[in-house]
Amino acid sequence: MRLMLPIFILIPCFIETELAFARDHHEFRGGPPPPRVHTTITRKPIKFEPSNRELKFIPEVLIKVKGNERIIKSNGIPNHFVGRFPNCGNPHKINKQSFFFSISIKPQINSSPYPLDSGWAFGIAINGVPFEPLAAEWYQGKRGSFWRYEALSGAISLGLDENHAHVQPGGKYHYHGLPTLLIKKLEISEKKHSPLIGWAADGFPIYNLYGYKNGKNSTEGIKEYRTSYKLKSGNRPGGNEPSGSHDGSFSADYQYVAGLGDLDQCNGIKIKTPEFPEGSYAYFLTRDWPIVPRCWMAEPDISFKQKRRAPPKRGLRPSDCLKREKDKFSRKK
C-alpha cells in the first residue's frame, strides 16, 4: 500500500554548534561514534516537541507476502505530523530511507528470549517507521555497560517529539515509545481490540494497549494489557556505578516479575486477535515500561540490524536554541 501526504516546505534558520547530542545507536562501518559521558542519575520531566509539522516527503510503504516471508519496504517517512527537526535536543533533519525488511510468516517460539541489543530495531510500524526503544547513552559513557539510560526517562535530553520519536544522524525518524499520532490515525480505542500496529523482527504481530479481556473474543469485553515489569526497590550500588534510587533513569532500574501483569518478559502473550482468529503469540505496546518490548520470543531477522555506510556529520541546531539556554540559565539564578 502507498500512503500520501500533501507537501509542506519548512525553511528554518540554523547555526552550527559544538555541543554534543544524542548518538545514533546503529553500528558504523569503521566503528561507532564515541559515546557521550553522563553522570546524571535522576529522571526529569520531558518537554516534547509539538508534533505539528508536515514533511515535504511523500511516505511510501509496501507490505506483501512472498512465499514464507513477509516483505516490508519503506522510505521511513511517517504518515502523520512530526515535531521540529532539527531541534535544540536533536540536531538532525528527517530524510528518506531505503528500508527492506524480511520476516517469517511462521515464526517459531524459542526456548529462551532473544534480547534486543544496540543496532537493532525491535520492529516496524505499519506506516514503515521503525520501533527502536534503546538509547545509545550510558553512565560515564561506558558503551555496552549495564547502565544504559532510558530514552523516555528525561535523564538525558534527546529532542523527542510528541510521537515519542526523534531522528538519527542519517535522517531516520524512529519511535522510542507509543506513536501518538499513528495511534490516532488508526482510531485505537479502549472500546475495541487494537488493530495491528506493526510487525516485530521475529515475525510476530504488534498491537497497542488493548485486546480481548478473555484472550479469545469480544464477548467479555476489552481490557488494557499491562506489563509485568516494575521498578526495583532500594538503591543502585554507587562507587563506579550510579547511586541513588531506582527511579527509571536506566533500563537496569526495572525488573520483571512473572504474573505481575498480563504479559511475559518480552511484553507478549499467546492470544486470539482479529487478524489471527486461530491464535498467535503477539506483542503489546504498553503504557508503562518497557512500552516497546526489549526482547523477542522467536529469532529476529538480520534485516532489522542495519549498518550505515559512513559516520554521521555533526548536525545543526535552530538559531533560537542559544536564547532558550540563556533564558533557562537566567531562571535558575
Protein backbone atom coordinates (compact mmCIF):
# COMPACT_ATOMS: atom_id res chain seq x y z
CA MET A 1 0.00 0.00 0.00
CA ARG A 2 1.16 3.57 -0.61
CA LEU A 3 0.40 6.41 1.78
CA MET A 4 0.20 10.01 0.56
CA LEU A 5 0.76 13.32 2.32
CA PRO A 6 0.50 16.87 0.95
CA ILE A 7 3.75 18.79 0.59
CA PHE A 8 4.67 21.49 3.08
CA ILE A 9 8.12 23.04 2.92
CA LEU A 10 9.85 24.28 6.07
CA ILE A 11 12.69 26.80 5.81
CA PRO A 12 14.24 27.16 9.30
CA CYS A 13 17.37 29.11 10.16
CA PHE A 14 20.29 27.16 11.61
CA ILE A 15 23.59 27.77 13.31
CA GLU A 16 26.49 25.43 13.99
CA THR A 17 27.04 24.15 17.49
CA GLU A 18 29.92 22.48 19.27
CA LEU A 19 27.59 20.82 21.78
CA ALA A 20 27.14 17.07 21.82
CA PHE A 21 23.80 15.45 21.05
CA ALA A 22 22.08 12.08 21.09
CA ARG A 23 24.04 9.42 19.26
CA ASP A 24 22.81 7.07 16.59
CA HIS A 25 22.87 3.65 18.21
CA HIS A 26 23.40 1.87 14.91
CA GLU A 27 26.83 0.46 14.23
CA PHE A 28 29.01 2.22 11.68
CA ARG A 29 31.50 0.72 9.32
CA GLY A 30 34.82 1.82 10.73
CA GLY A 31 33.45 1.90 14.28
CA PRO A 32 30.64 3.69 16.13
CA PRO A 33 30.92 7.34 17.18
CA PRO A 34 32.32 7.88 20.69
CA PRO A 35 29.63 7.88 23.39
CA ARG A 36 28.86 10.97 25.44
CA VAL A 37 29.91 10.97 29.09
CA HIS A 38 26.99 11.40 31.53
CA THR A 39 26.82 11.31 35.30
CA THR A 40 23.17 12.23 35.88
CA ILE A 41 21.28 9.67 37.99
CA THR A 42 17.75 11.07 38.19
CA ARG A 43 14.87 11.22 35.75
CA LYS A 44 13.40 14.56 34.69
CA PRO A 45 10.19 15.79 33.06
CA ILE A 46 10.35 15.79 29.26
CA LYS A 47 9.19 18.74 27.20
CA PHE A 48 8.23 17.09 23.93
CA GLU A 49 8.48 18.98 20.65
CA PRO A 50 4.92 19.70 19.44
CA SER A 51 4.08 17.37 16.54
CA ASN A 52 2.51 20.00 14.31
CA ARG A 53 4.74 19.95 11.22
CA GLU A 54 4.14 18.34 7.87
CA LEU A 55 7.00 16.84 5.92
CA LYS A 56 7.76 17.65 2.29
CA PHE A 57 8.31 13.95 1.54
CA ILE A 58 5.57 11.54 0.50
CA PRO A 59 5.51 8.42 2.71
CA GLU A 60 5.88 5.11 0.91
CA VAL A 61 5.40 1.65 2.40
CA LEU A 62 4.76 -1.74 0.82
CA ILE A 63 3.92 -4.87 2.80
CA LYS A 64 3.46 -8.15 0.94
CA VAL A 65 3.81 -11.88 1.49
CA LYS A 66 6.19 -13.77 -0.78
CA GLY A 67 6.46 -17.48 -0.10
CA ASN A 68 7.10 -17.93 3.61
CA GLU A 69 8.33 -14.38 4.07
CA ARG A 70 6.61 -11.09 4.75
CA ILE A 71 8.45 -8.36 2.86
CA ILE A 72 8.30 -4.75 4.11
CA LYS A 73 9.72 -1.89 2.06
CA SER A 74 9.57 1.70 3.22
CA ASN A 75 11.14 5.11 2.82
CA GLY A 76 10.76 5.69 6.58
CA ILE A 77 8.60 8.80 6.22
CA PRO A 78 5.72 8.83 8.74
CA ASN A 79 2.13 9.37 7.62
CA HIS A 80 1.49 11.95 10.33
CA PHE A 81 2.73 15.29 11.61
CA VAL A 82 6.09 15.40 13.38
CA GLY A 83 7.95 17.74 15.70
CA ARG A 84 10.55 20.30 14.72
CA PHE A 85 13.69 18.60 13.47
CA PRO A 86 16.38 19.73 13.91
CA ASN A 87 15.58 20.99 17.40
CA CYS A 88 17.54 22.02 20.48
CA GLY A 89 17.95 18.45 21.70
CA ASN A 90 18.29 16.72 18.34
CA PRO A 91 20.23 18.41 15.53
CA HIS A 92 19.22 16.06 12.72
CA LYS A 93 16.62 16.51 10.00
CA ILE A 94 14.31 13.80 8.73
CA ASN A 95 15.27 12.27 5.42
CA LYS A 96 14.06 9.42 3.24
CA GLN A 97 15.44 5.94 3.88
CA SER A 98 15.57 2.74 1.85
CA PHE A 99 14.26 0.10 4.25
CA PHE A 100 13.93 -3.52 3.25
CA PHE A 101 12.82 -5.94 5.95
CA SER A 102 12.02 -9.64 5.67
CA ILE A 103 10.26 -11.65 8.38
CA SER A 104 8.92 -15.18 8.60
CA ILE A 105 5.17 -15.69 8.36
CA LYS A 106 5.62 -18.81 10.52
CA PRO A 107 7.86 -17.76 13.42
CA GLN A 108 8.71 -20.43 15.99
CA ILE A 109 8.93 -19.57 19.69
CA ASN A 110 12.36 -20.31 21.11
CA SER A 111 13.08 -21.91 24.49
CA SER A 112 14.58 -18.61 25.70
CA PRO A 113 14.14 -15.00 24.53
CA TYR A 114 16.50 -13.11 22.23
CA PRO A 115 17.43 -9.78 23.90
CA LEU A 116 17.20 -6.54 21.95
CA ASP A 117 20.65 -5.03 21.54
CA SER A 118 22.28 -1.91 20.10
CA GLY A 119 21.94 -1.57 16.35
CA TRP A 120 18.64 -3.45 16.15
CA ALA A 121 15.12 -2.23 15.55
CA PHE A 122 12.56 -4.19 17.56
CA GLY A 123 10.11 -3.99 14.71
CA ILE A 124 8.46 -1.83 12.10
CA ALA A 125 5.16 0.04 12.37
CA ILE A 126 2.62 -0.44 9.60
CA ASN A 127 3.45 3.04 8.32
CA GLY A 128 7.05 1.97 7.70
CA VAL A 129 8.66 3.73 10.70
CA PRO A 130 10.90 1.57 12.95
CA PHE A 131 10.38 0.91 16.65
CA GLU A 132 13.77 1.45 18.27
CA PRO A 133 13.40 1.87 22.05
CA LEU A 134 17.09 1.74 23.01
CA ALA A 135 19.14 4.89 23.52
CA ALA A 136 22.87 4.95 22.82
CA GLU A 137 23.60 6.70 26.10
CA TRP A 138 25.40 5.10 29.06
CA TYR A 139 26.51 6.19 32.51
CA GLN A 140 30.02 7.70 32.30
CA GLY A 141 30.00 6.94 28.58
CA LYS A 142 30.76 3.25 29.10
CA ARG A 143 29.30 1.84 25.89
CA GLY A 144 27.58 -1.50 26.31
CA SER A 145 27.61 -1.33 30.11
CA PHE A 146 24.79 -2.41 32.43
CA TRP A 147 23.73 1.20 33.00
CA ARG A 148 22.05 2.29 29.75
CA TYR A 149 19.89 5.41 30.02
CA GLU A 150 16.20 5.17 29.20
CA ALA A 151 15.16 7.39 26.29
CA LEU A 152 11.84 8.33 27.92
CA SER A 153 13.18 8.95 31.42
CA GLY A 154 14.17 12.55 30.69
CA ALA A 155 17.55 11.95 32.35
CA ILE A 156 19.21 12.75 29.01
CA SER A 157 17.71 15.27 26.58
CA LEU A 158 17.10 13.57 23.23
CA GLY A 159 14.83 16.08 21.48
CA LEU A 160 11.82 13.76 21.25
CA ASP A 161 8.56 14.90 19.70
CA GLU A 162 5.02 14.10 20.86
CA ASN A 163 5.14 10.82 18.96
CA HIS A 164 7.95 9.78 21.34
CA ALA A 165 10.23 9.81 18.32
CA HIS A 166 13.31 11.60 17.09
CA VAL A 167 15.92 11.44 14.32
CA GLN A 168 19.25 9.67 13.93
CA PRO A 169 22.22 11.35 12.19
CA GLY A 170 21.37 9.62 8.91
CA GLY A 171 17.89 11.16 8.91
CA LYS A 172 15.98 8.14 10.21
CA TYR A 173 12.85 9.04 12.16
CA HIS A 174 12.04 6.27 14.68
CA TYR A 175 9.77 5.61 17.65
CA HIS A 176 11.08 5.16 21.20
CA GLY A 177 7.60 4.83 22.69
CA LEU A 178 3.91 4.98 21.82
CA PRO A 179 3.48 6.52 18.33
CA THR A 180 0.82 9.01 19.38
CA LEU A 181 -0.42 10.29 16.01
CA LEU A 182 -0.25 6.87 14.34
CA ILE A 183 -2.43 5.58 17.19
CA LYS A 184 -4.84 8.43 16.49
CA LYS A 185 -4.89 7.67 12.75
CA LEU A 186 -5.68 4.02 13.45
CA GLU A 187 -8.53 5.12 15.77
CA ILE A 188 -7.28 2.87 18.53
CA SER A 189 -9.73 2.89 21.42
CA GLU A 190 -10.25 1.22 24.78
CA LYS A 191 -13.63 0.11 23.42
CA LYS A 192 -12.26 -2.32 20.82
CA HIS A 193 -9.34 -4.62 20.16
CA SER A 194 -6.30 -2.78 18.85
CA PRO A 195 -5.74 -3.12 15.13
CA LEU A 196 -2.35 -4.36 14.00
CA ILE A 197 0.14 -1.54 14.61
CA GLY A 198 3.31 -3.25 13.39
CA TRP A 199 5.44 -6.33 12.91
CA ALA A 200 8.27 -7.46 15.19
CA ALA A 201 11.62 -8.51 13.75
CA ASP A 202 10.82 -12.15 14.53
CA GLY A 203 7.58 -12.10 12.53
CA PHE A 204 5.02 -11.88 15.31
CA PRO A 205 2.39 -9.08 15.27
CA ILE A 206 2.47 -5.95 17.44
CA TYR A 207 -0.65 -4.42 18.99
CA ASN A 208 -1.23 -1.30 21.07
CA LEU A 209 -2.56 -1.48 24.64
CA TYR A 210 -5.99 -3.05 24.10
CA GLY A 211 -7.05 -6.65 23.49
CA TYR A 212 -9.79 -9.13 24.29
CA LYS A 213 -10.39 -9.45 28.00
CA ASN A 214 -10.68 -13.25 27.80
CA GLY A 215 -7.91 -13.54 25.19
CA LYS A 216 -10.31 -15.14 22.70
CA ASN A 217 -13.10 -12.81 21.57
CA SER A 218 -15.07 -9.71 22.49
CA THR A 219 -17.86 -11.47 24.42
CA GLU A 220 -16.38 -10.41 27.79
CA GLY A 221 -15.21 -7.01 26.63
CA ILE A 222 -11.87 -5.30 26.11
CA LYS A 223 -9.05 -4.61 28.55
CA GLU A 224 -5.73 -2.81 28.58
CA TYR A 225 -2.87 -5.28 28.66
CA ARG A 226 -0.31 -4.48 31.33
CA THR A 227 3.38 -5.10 31.62
CA SER A 228 4.91 -7.35 34.26
CA TYR A 229 7.85 -5.04 34.96
CA LYS A 230 8.29 -2.77 37.96
CA LEU A 231 10.97 -0.54 39.45
CA LYS A 232 13.44 -2.26 41.71
CA SER A 233 13.39 -1.34 45.40
CA GLY A 234 16.36 0.13 47.23
CA ASN A 235 19.29 1.98 45.74
CA ARG A 236 21.82 1.49 42.98
CA PRO A 237 25.30 0.30 44.07
CA GLY A 238 27.22 3.58 43.73
CA GLY A 239 31.01 3.72 43.58
CA ASN A 240 31.98 3.31 39.92
CA GLU A 241 28.30 2.73 39.17
CA PRO A 242 25.41 5.16 39.58
CA SER A 243 23.98 5.72 43.05
CA GLY A 244 20.51 6.89 44.03
CA SER A 245 17.18 5.10 43.98
CA HIS A 246 15.93 3.01 41.08
CA ASP A 247 13.75 5.74 39.58
CA GLY A 248 13.68 4.63 35.92
CA SER A 249 16.57 6.69 34.63
CA PHE A 250 18.23 3.46 33.49
CA SER A 251 16.86 0.30 31.87
CA ALA A 252 18.51 -1.62 34.71
CA ASP A 253 16.23 0.14 37.22
CA TYR A 254 13.44 -2.24 36.19
CA GLN A 255 12.85 -5.90 36.93
CA TYR A 256 10.50 -8.50 35.52
CA VAL A 257 8.06 -10.15 37.94
CA ALA A 258 6.22 -13.08 36.39
CA GLY A 259 2.46 -12.73 36.82
CA LEU A 260 2.58 -9.11 37.95
CA GLY A 261 0.75 -8.06 34.79
CA ASP A 262 -0.74 -9.76 31.75
CA LEU A 263 2.40 -10.04 29.62
CA ASP A 264 5.62 -12.04 29.68
CA GLN A 265 9.20 -10.72 29.79
CA CYS A 266 9.02 -9.72 26.12
CA ASN A 267 5.71 -7.87 26.60
CA GLY A 268 3.90 -10.60 24.71
CA ILE A 269 1.19 -13.21 25.15
CA LYS A 270 -0.47 -16.05 23.25
CA ILE A 271 -3.82 -14.67 22.25
CA LYS A 272 -6.51 -14.56 19.58
CA THR A 273 -6.86 -11.30 17.65
CA PRO A 274 -8.98 -10.05 14.73
CA GLU A 275 -6.05 -10.73 12.37
CA PHE A 276 -5.29 -14.11 13.98
CA PRO A 277 -8.65 -15.65 14.98
CA GLU A 278 -7.00 -19.05 15.47
CA GLY A 279 -4.48 -17.55 17.87
CA SER A 280 -0.89 -16.36 17.77
CA TYR A 281 1.83 -15.09 20.01
CA ALA A 282 1.63 -11.28 19.92
CA TYR A 283 3.48 -8.32 21.38
CA PHE A 284 1.78 -5.34 23.01
CA LEU A 285 2.96 -1.78 23.36
CA THR A 286 2.16 -0.79 26.94
CA ARG A 287 1.58 2.42 28.86
CA ASP A 288 4.31 1.58 31.39
CA TRP A 289 7.89 0.35 30.94
CA PRO A 290 9.13 -1.19 28.71
CA ILE A 291 6.43 0.38 26.46
CA VAL A 292 8.18 -1.10 23.40
CA PRO A 293 9.38 -4.69 24.05
CA ARG A 294 13.06 -5.34 24.76
CA CYS A 295 13.30 -8.94 23.57
CA TRP A 296 11.86 -11.38 21.03
CA MET A 297 10.40 -14.83 21.61
CA ALA A 298 11.46 -16.06 18.15
CA GLU A 299 14.67 -15.42 16.25
CA PRO A 300 14.75 -11.88 14.77
CA ASP A 301 15.64 -11.44 11.12
CA ILE A 302 19.05 -9.92 10.45
CA SER A 303 17.45 -7.32 8.16
CA PHE A 304 16.47 -5.44 11.34
CA LYS A 305 20.12 -4.87 12.18
CA GLN A 306 21.41 -2.23 9.83
CA LYS A 307 24.78 -0.56 9.35
CA ARG A 308 25.39 2.82 7.85
CA ARG A 309 27.98 3.40 5.18
CA ALA A 310 29.77 6.28 6.87
CA PRO A 311 29.94 8.04 10.23
CA PRO A 312 27.40 10.86 10.63
CA LYS A 313 28.27 14.51 10.26
CA ARG A 314 27.65 16.95 13.08
CA GLY A 315 24.15 18.36 12.86
CA LEU A 316 22.92 21.93 13.15
CA ARG A 317 20.63 23.44 15.75
CA PRO A 318 17.91 26.04 15.17
CA SER A 319 19.09 29.60 15.81
CA ASP A 320 16.80 30.13 18.82
CA CYS A 321 18.46 27.40 20.93
CA LEU A 322 21.14 29.64 22.40
CA LYS A 323 18.50 32.11 23.53
CA ARG A 324 16.48 29.29 25.11
CA GLU A 325 19.55 28.11 27.01
CA LYS A 326 20.29 31.65 28.26
CA ASP A 327 16.68 32.09 29.38
CA LYS A 328 16.78 28.73 31.17
CA PHE A 329 20.02 29.67 32.91
CA SER A 330 18.60 33.06 33.95
CA ARG A 331 15.55 31.41 35.52
CA LYS A 332 17.81 29.18 37.62
CA LYS A 333 19.75 32.14 39.07
